[in-house]
Amino acid sequence: MWTEILTAVALVLVIEGLLPCINPGGWKQAMRQLLETDEDRLRWFGLGSMITGALLLAIIH
């Protein structure tokens, strides 16, 4: 079980590191826009991401 959790965390780090590595200027601009985004919109986006991830896990397994 711990192996799977650490593998998932490692994959998240790899995926999150792609954009700043490939396009640092675009990543910085996206972060600036994210800071200006309304908190309610961020919450809905986070909820949507969690639901999508849970559905993908259910489909895969």
PDB file of N, CA and C in Angstrom:
ATOM      1  N   MET A   1       0.816  -1.188   0.000  1.00  0.00           N
ATOM      2  CA  MET A   1       0.000   0.000   0.000  1.00  0.00           C
ATOM      3  C   MET A   1       0.866   1.262   0.000  1.00  0.00           C
ATOM      4  N   TRP A   2       1.907   1.301   0.822  1.00  0.00           N
ATOM      5  CA  TRP A   2       2.760   2.489   0.869  1.00  0.00           C
ATOM      6  C   TRP A   2       3.475   2.713  -0.457  1.00  0.00           C
ATOM      7  N   THR A   3       3.793   1.632  -1.137  1.00  0.00           N
ATOM      8  CA  THR A   3       4.455   1.760  -2.437  1.00  0.00           C
ATOM      9  C   THR A   3       3.548   2.479  -3.433  1.00  0.00           C
ATOM     10  N   GLU A   4       2.263   2.130  -3.437  1.00  0.00           N
ATOM     11  CA  GLU A   4       1.330   2.778  -4.344  1.00  0.00           C
ATOM     12  C   GLU A   4       1.147   4.253  -4.016  1.00  0.00           C
ATOM     13  N   ILE A   5       1.067   4.571  -2.721  1.00  0.00           N
ATOM     14  CA  ILE A   5       0.908   5.966  -2.308  1.00  0.00           C
ATOM     15  C   ILE A   5       2.125   6.787  -2.708  1.00  0.00           C
ATOM     16  N   LEU A   6       3.311   6.271  -2.456  1.00  0.00           N
ATOM     17  CA  LEU A   6       4.529   6.992  -2.827  1.00  0.00           C
ATOM     18  C   LEU A   6       4.664   7.112  -4.342  1.00  0.00           C
ATOM     19  N   THR A   7       4.238   6.097  -5.070  1.00  0.00           N
ATOM     20  CA  THR A   7       4.247   6.168  -6.528  1.00  0.00           C
ATOM     21  C   THR A   7       3.308   7.265  -7.016  1.00  0.00           C
ATOM     22  N   ALA A   8       2.130   7.358  -6.421  1.00  0.00           N
ATOM     23  CA  ALA A   8       1.167   8.397  -6.803  1.00  0.00           C
ATOM     24  C   ALA A   8       1.723   9.788  -6.506  1.00  0.00           C
ATOM     25  N   VAL A   9       2.334   9.964  -5.356  1.00  0.00           N
ATOM     26  CA  VAL A   9       2.931  11.263  -5.004  1.00  0.00           C
ATOM     27  C   VAL A   9       4.057  11.611  -5.975  1.00  0.00           C
ATOM     28  N   ALA A  10       4.880  10.630  -6.307  1.00  0.00           N
ATOM     29  CA  ALA A  10       5.976  10.865  -7.249  1.00  0.00           C
ATOM     30  C   ALA A  10       5.442  11.280  -8.617  1.00  0.00           C
ATOM     31  N   LEU A  11       4.386  10.637  -9.080  1.00  0.00           N
ATOM     32  CA  LEU A  11       3.792  11.004 -10.370  1.00  0.00           C
ATOM     33  C   LEU A  11       3.204  12.412 -10.340  1.00  0.00           C
ATOM     34  N   VAL A  12       2.585  12.786  -9.229  1.00  0.00           N
ATOM     35  CA  VAL A  12       2.057  14.151  -9.097  1.00  0.00           C
ATOM     36  C   VAL A  12       3.195  15.159  -9.205  1.00  0.00           C
ATOM     37  N   LEU A  13       4.304  14.894  -8.538  1.00  0.00           N
ATOM     38  CA  LEU A  13       5.451  15.803  -8.594  1.00  0.00           C
ATOM     39  C   LEU A  13       6.025  15.913 -10.000  1.00  0.00           C
ATOM     40  N   VAL A  14       6.089  14.801 -10.705  1.00  0.00           N
ATOM     41  CA  VAL A  14       6.595  14.825 -12.081  1.00  0.00           C
ATOM     42  C   VAL A  14       5.662  15.650 -12.967  1.00  0.00           C
ATOM     43  N   ILE A  15       4.365  15.401 -12.865  1.00  0.00           N
ATOM     44  CA  ILE A  15       3.394  16.111 -13.701  1.00  0.00           C
ATOM     45  C   ILE A  15       3.381  17.601 -13.363  1.00  0.00           C
ATOM     46  N   GLU A  16       3.420  17.947 -12.076  1.00  0.00           N
ATOM     47  CA  GLU A  16       3.409  19.357 -11.694  1.00  0.00           C
ATOM     48  C   GLU A  16       4.702  20.059 -12.092  1.00  0.00           C
ATOM     49  N   GLY A  17       5.783  19.330 -12.231  1.00  0.00           N
ATOM     50  CA  GLY A  17       7.045  19.937 -12.620  1.00  0.00           C
ATOM     51  C   GLY A  17       7.201  20.147 -14.113  1.00  0.00           C
ATOM     52  N   LEU A  18       6.323  19.556 -14.908  1.00  0.00           N
ATOM     53  CA  LEU A  18       6.444  19.669 -16.359  1.00  0.00           C
ATOM     54  C   LEU A  18       6.297  21.106 -16.862  1.00  0.00           C
ATOM     55  N   LEU A  19       5.228  21.789 -16.465  1.00  0.00           N
ATOM     56  CA  LEU A  19       4.978  23.134 -16.990  1.00  0.00           C
ATOM     57  C   LEU A  19       6.065  24.135 -16.614  1.00  0.00           C
ATOM     58  N   PRO A  20       6.475  24.225 -15.354  1.00  0.00           N
ATOM     59  CA  PRO A  20       7.537  25.189 -15.050  1.00  0.00           C
ATOM     60  C   PRO A  20       8.849  24.850 -15.758  1.00  0.00           C
ATOM     61  N   CYS A  21       9.073  23.591 -16.037  1.00  0.00           N
ATOM     62  CA  CYS A  21      10.299  23.189 -16.723  1.00  0.00           C
ATOM     63  C   CYS A  21      10.233  23.526 -18.206  1.00  0.00           C
ATOM     64  N   ILE A  22       9.104  23.263 -18.828  1.00  0.00           N
ATOM     65  CA  ILE A  22       8.954  23.463 -20.269  1.00  0.00           C
ATOM     66  C   ILE A  22       8.724  24.938 -20.618  1.00  0.00           C
ATOM     67  N   ASN A  23       7.873  25.620 -19.845  1.00  0.00           N
ATOM     68  CA  ASN A  23       7.500  26.997 -20.172  1.00  0.00           C
ATOM     69  C   ASN A  23       7.411  27.827 -18.886  1.00  0.00           C
ATOM     70  N   PRO A  24       8.554  28.234 -18.320  1.00  0.00           N
ATOM     71  CA  PRO A  24       8.512  28.952 -17.042  1.00  0.00           C
ATOM     72  C   PRO A  24       7.762  30.285 -17.120  1.00  0.00           C
ATOM     73  N   GLY A  25       7.885  31.005 -18.232  1.00  0.00           N
ATOM     74  CA  GLY A  25       7.172  32.278 -18.359  1.00  0.00           C
ATOM     75  C   GLY A  25       5.670  32.103 -18.363  1.00  0.00           C
ATOM     76  N   GLY A  26       5.196  31.131 -19.109  1.00  0.00           N
ATOM     77  CA  GLY A  26       3.762  30.843 -19.150  1.00  0.00           C
ATOM     78  C   GLY A  26       3.250  30.362 -17.805  1.00  0.00           C
ATOM     79  N   TRP A  27       4.074  29.591 -17.113  1.00  0.00           N
ATOM     80  CA  TRP A  27       3.693  29.085 -15.788  1.00  0.00           C
ATOM     81  C   TRP A  27       3.553  30.244 -14.806  1.00  0.00           C
ATOM     82  N   LYS A  28       4.492  31.185 -14.845  1.00  0.00           N
ATOM     83  CA  LYS A  28       4.421  32.346 -13.956  1.00  0.00           C
ATOM     84  C   LYS A  28       3.165  33.177 -14.245  1.00  0.00           C
ATOM     85  N   GLN A  29       2.853  33.344 -15.518  1.00  0.00           N
ATOM     86  CA  GLN A  29       1.650  34.094 -15.891  1.00  0.00           C
ATOM     87  C   GLN A  29       0.395  33.377 -15.387  1.00  0.00           C
ATOM     88  N   ALA A  30       0.371  32.066 -15.520  1.00  0.00           N
ATOM     89  CA  ALA A  30      -0.778  31.299 -15.031  1.00  0.00           C
ATOM     90  C   ALA A  30      -0.917  31.428 -13.516  1.00  0.00           C
ATOM     91  N   MET A  31       0.197  31.443 -12.797  1.00  0.00           N
ATOM     92  CA  MET A  31       0.150  31.590 -11.339  1.00  0.00           C
ATOM     93  C   MET A  31      -0.361  32.976 -10.949  1.00  0.00           C
ATOM     94  N   ARG A  32       0.032  33.997 -11.704  1.00  0.00           N
ATOM     95  CA  ARG A  32      -0.478  35.354 -11.439  1.00  0.00           C
ATOM     96  C   ARG A  32      -1.994  35.391 -11.614  1.00  0.00           C
ATOM     97  N   GLN A  33      -2.476  34.772 -12.682  1.00  0.00           N
ATOM     98  CA  GLN A  33      -3.922  34.732 -12.920  1.00  0.00           C
ATOM     99  C   GLN A  33      -4.635  33.934 -11.844  1.00  0.00           C
ATOM    100  N   LEU A  34      -4.010  32.869 -11.384  1.00  0.00           N
ATOM    101  CA  LEU A  34      -4.596  32.049 -10.339  1.00  0.00           C
ATOM    102  C   LEU A  34      -4.752  32.843  -9.044  1.00  0.00           C
ATOM    103  N   LEU A  35      -3.769  33.693  -8.735  1.00  0.00           N
ATOM    104  CA  LEU A  35      -3.848  34.512  -7.530  1.00  0.00           C
ATOM    105  C   LEU A  35      -5.003  35.512  -7.597  1.00  0.00           C
ATOM    106  N   GLU A  36      -5.396  35.917  -8.789  1.00  0.00           N
ATOM    107  CA  GLU A  36      -6.478  36.879  -8.962  1.00  0.00           C
ATOM    108  C   GLU A  36      -7.852  36.214  -9.074  1.00  0.00           C
ATOM    109  N   THR A  37      -7.887  34.888  -9.125  1.00  0.00           N
ATOM    110  CA  THR A  37      -9.138  34.160  -9.294  1.00  0.00           C
ATOM    111  C   THR A  37      -9.931  34.155  -7.991  1.00  0.00           C
ATOM    112  N   ASP A  38     -11.238  34.286  -8.120  1.00  0.00           N
ATOM    113  CA  ASP A  38     -12.140  34.271  -6.980  1.00  0.00           C
ATOM    114  C   ASP A  38     -12.031  32.938  -6.223  1.00  0.00           C
ATOM    115  N   GLU A  39     -12.103  33.004  -4.894  1.00  0.00           N
ATOM    116  CA  GLU A  39     -11.947  31.792  -4.073  1.00  0.00           C
ATOM    117  C   GLU A  39     -13.037  30.762  -4.337  1.00  0.00           C
ATOM    118  N   ASP A  40     -14.254  31.211  -4.574  1.00  0.00           N
ATOM    119  CA  ASP A  40     -15.337  30.258  -4.855  1.00  0.00           C
ATOM    120  C   ASP A  40     -15.063  29.484  -6.141  1.00  0.00           C
ATOM    121  N   ARG A  41     -14.546  30.173  -7.146  1.00  0.00           N
ATOM    122  CA  ARG A  41     -14.225  29.505  -8.410  1.00  0.00           C
ATOM    123  C   ARG A  41     -13.106  28.481  -8.189  1.00  0.00           C
ATOM    124  N   LEU A  42     -12.120  28.828  -7.358  1.00  0.00           N
ATOM    125  CA  LEU A  42     -11.041  27.878  -7.059  1.00  0.00           C
ATOM    126  C   LEU A  42     -11.574  26.652  -6.328  1.00  0.00           C
ATOM    127  N   ARG A  43     -12.510  26.876  -5.398  1.00  0.00           N
ATOM    128  CA  ARG A  43     -13.102  25.743  -4.671  1.00  0.00           C
ATOM    129  C   ARG A  43     -13.826  24.804  -5.628  1.00  0.00           C
ATOM    130  N   TRP A  44     -14.614  25.368  -6.547  1.00  0.00           N
ATOM    131  CA  TRP A  44     -15.332  24.538  -7.512  1.00  0.00           C
ATOM    132  C   TRP A  44     -14.377  23.782  -8.423  1.00  0.00           C
ATOM    133  N   PHE A  45     -13.297  24.453  -8.822  1.00  0.00           N
ATOM    134  CA  PHE A  45     -12.295  23.793  -9.651  1.00  0.00           C
ATOM    135  C   PHE A  45     -11.646  22.634  -8.893  1.00  0.00           C
ATOM    136  N   GLY A  46     -11.316  22.875  -7.612  1.00  0.00           N
ATOM    137  CA  GLY A  46     -10.738  21.814  -6.790  1.00  0.00           C
ATOM    138  C   GLY A  46     -11.688  20.646  -6.609  1.00  0.00           C
ATOM    139  N   LEU A  47     -12.954  20.948  -6.369  1.00  0.00           N
ATOM    140  CA  LEU A  47     -13.955  19.886  -6.223  1.00  0.00           C
ATOM    141  C   LEU A  47     -14.090  19.082  -7.514  1.00  0.00           C
ATOM    142  N   GLY A  48     -14.122  19.796  -8.636  1.00  0.00           N
ATOM    143  CA  GLY A  48     -14.206  19.111  -9.931  1.00  0.00           C
ATOM    144  C   GLY A  48     -13.000  18.225 -10.186  1.00  0.00           C
ATOM    145  N   SER A  49     -11.829  18.697  -9.799  1.00  0.00           N
ATOM    146  CA  SER A  49     -10.614  17.896  -9.966  1.00  0.00           C
ATOM    147  C   SER A  49     -10.657  16.640  -9.106  1.00  0.00           C
ATOM    148  N   MET A  50     -11.109  16.794  -7.866  1.00  0.00           N
ATOM    149  CA  MET A  50     -11.192  15.632  -6.979  1.00  0.00           C
ATOM    150  C   MET A  50     -12.189  14.609  -7.502  1.00  0.00           C
ATOM    151  N   ILE A  51     -13.346  15.071  -7.959  1.00  0.00           N
ATOM    152  CA  ILE A  51     -14.366  14.152  -8.483  1.00  0.00           C
ATOM    153  C   ILE A  51     -13.848  13.446  -9.730  1.00  0.00           C
ATOM    154  N   THR A  52     -13.194  14.197 -10.620  1.00  0.00           N
ATOM    155  CA  THR A  52     -12.635  13.594 -11.830  1.00  0.00           C
ATOM    156  C   THR A  52     -11.592  12.540 -11.472  1.00  0.00           C
ATOM    157  N   GLY A  53     -10.719  12.853 -10.531  1.00  0.00           N
ATOM    158  CA  GLY A  53      -9.708  11.897 -10.103  1.00  0.00           C
ATOM    159  C   GLY A  53     -10.317  10.647  -9.487  1.00  0.00           C
ATOM    160  N   ALA A  54     -11.326  10.834  -8.658  1.00  0.00           N
ATOM    161  CA  ALA A  54     -11.982   9.685  -8.031  1.00  0.00           C
ATOM    162  C   ALA A  54     -12.660   8.806  -9.091  1.00  0.00           C
ATOM    163  N   LEU A  55     -13.308   9.442 -10.064  1.00  0.00           N
ATOM    164  CA  LEU A  55     -13.946   8.673 -11.133  1.00  0.00           C
ATOM    165  C   LEU A  55     -12.911   7.905 -11.963  1.00  0.00           C
ATOM    166  N   LEU A  56     -11.798   8.561 -12.267  1.00  0.00           N
ATOM    167  CA  LEU A  56     -10.741   7.868 -13.008  1.00  0.00           C
ATOM    168  C   LEU A  56     -10.195   6.667 -12.238  1.00  0.00           C
ATOM    169  N   LEU A  57     -10.014   6.849 -10.926  1.00  0.00           N
ATOM    170  CA  LEU A  57      -9.542   5.718 -10.109  1.00  0.00           C
ATOM    171  C   LEU A  57     -10.566   4.583 -10.112  1.00  0.00           C
ATOM    172  N   ALA A  58     -11.843   4.933 -10.034  1.00  0.00           N
ATOM    173  CA  ALA A  58     -12.887   3.903 -10.032  1.00  0.00           C
ATOM    174  C   ALA A  58     -12.910   3.159 -11.370  1.00  0.00           C
ATOM    175  N   ILE A  59     -12.710   3.887 -12.465  1.00  0.00           N
ATOM    176  CA  ILE A  59     -12.706   3.257 -13.779  1.00  0.00           C
ATOM    177  C   ILE A  59     -11.486   2.359 -13.956  1.00  0.00           C
ATOM    178  N   ILE A  60     -10.334   2.837 -13.507  1.00  0.00           N
ATOM    179  CA  ILE A  60      -9.097   2.075 -13.666  1.00  0.00           C
ATOM    180  C   ILE A  60      -9.104   0.790 -12.851  1.00  0.00           C
ATOM    181  N   HIS A  61      -9.639   0.896 -11.633  1.00  0.00           N
ATOM    182  CA  HIS A  61      -9.647  -0.283 -10.767  1.00  0.00           C
ATOM    183  C   HIS A  61     -11.008  -0.856 -10.828  1.00  0.00           C
TER     184      HIS A  61
END
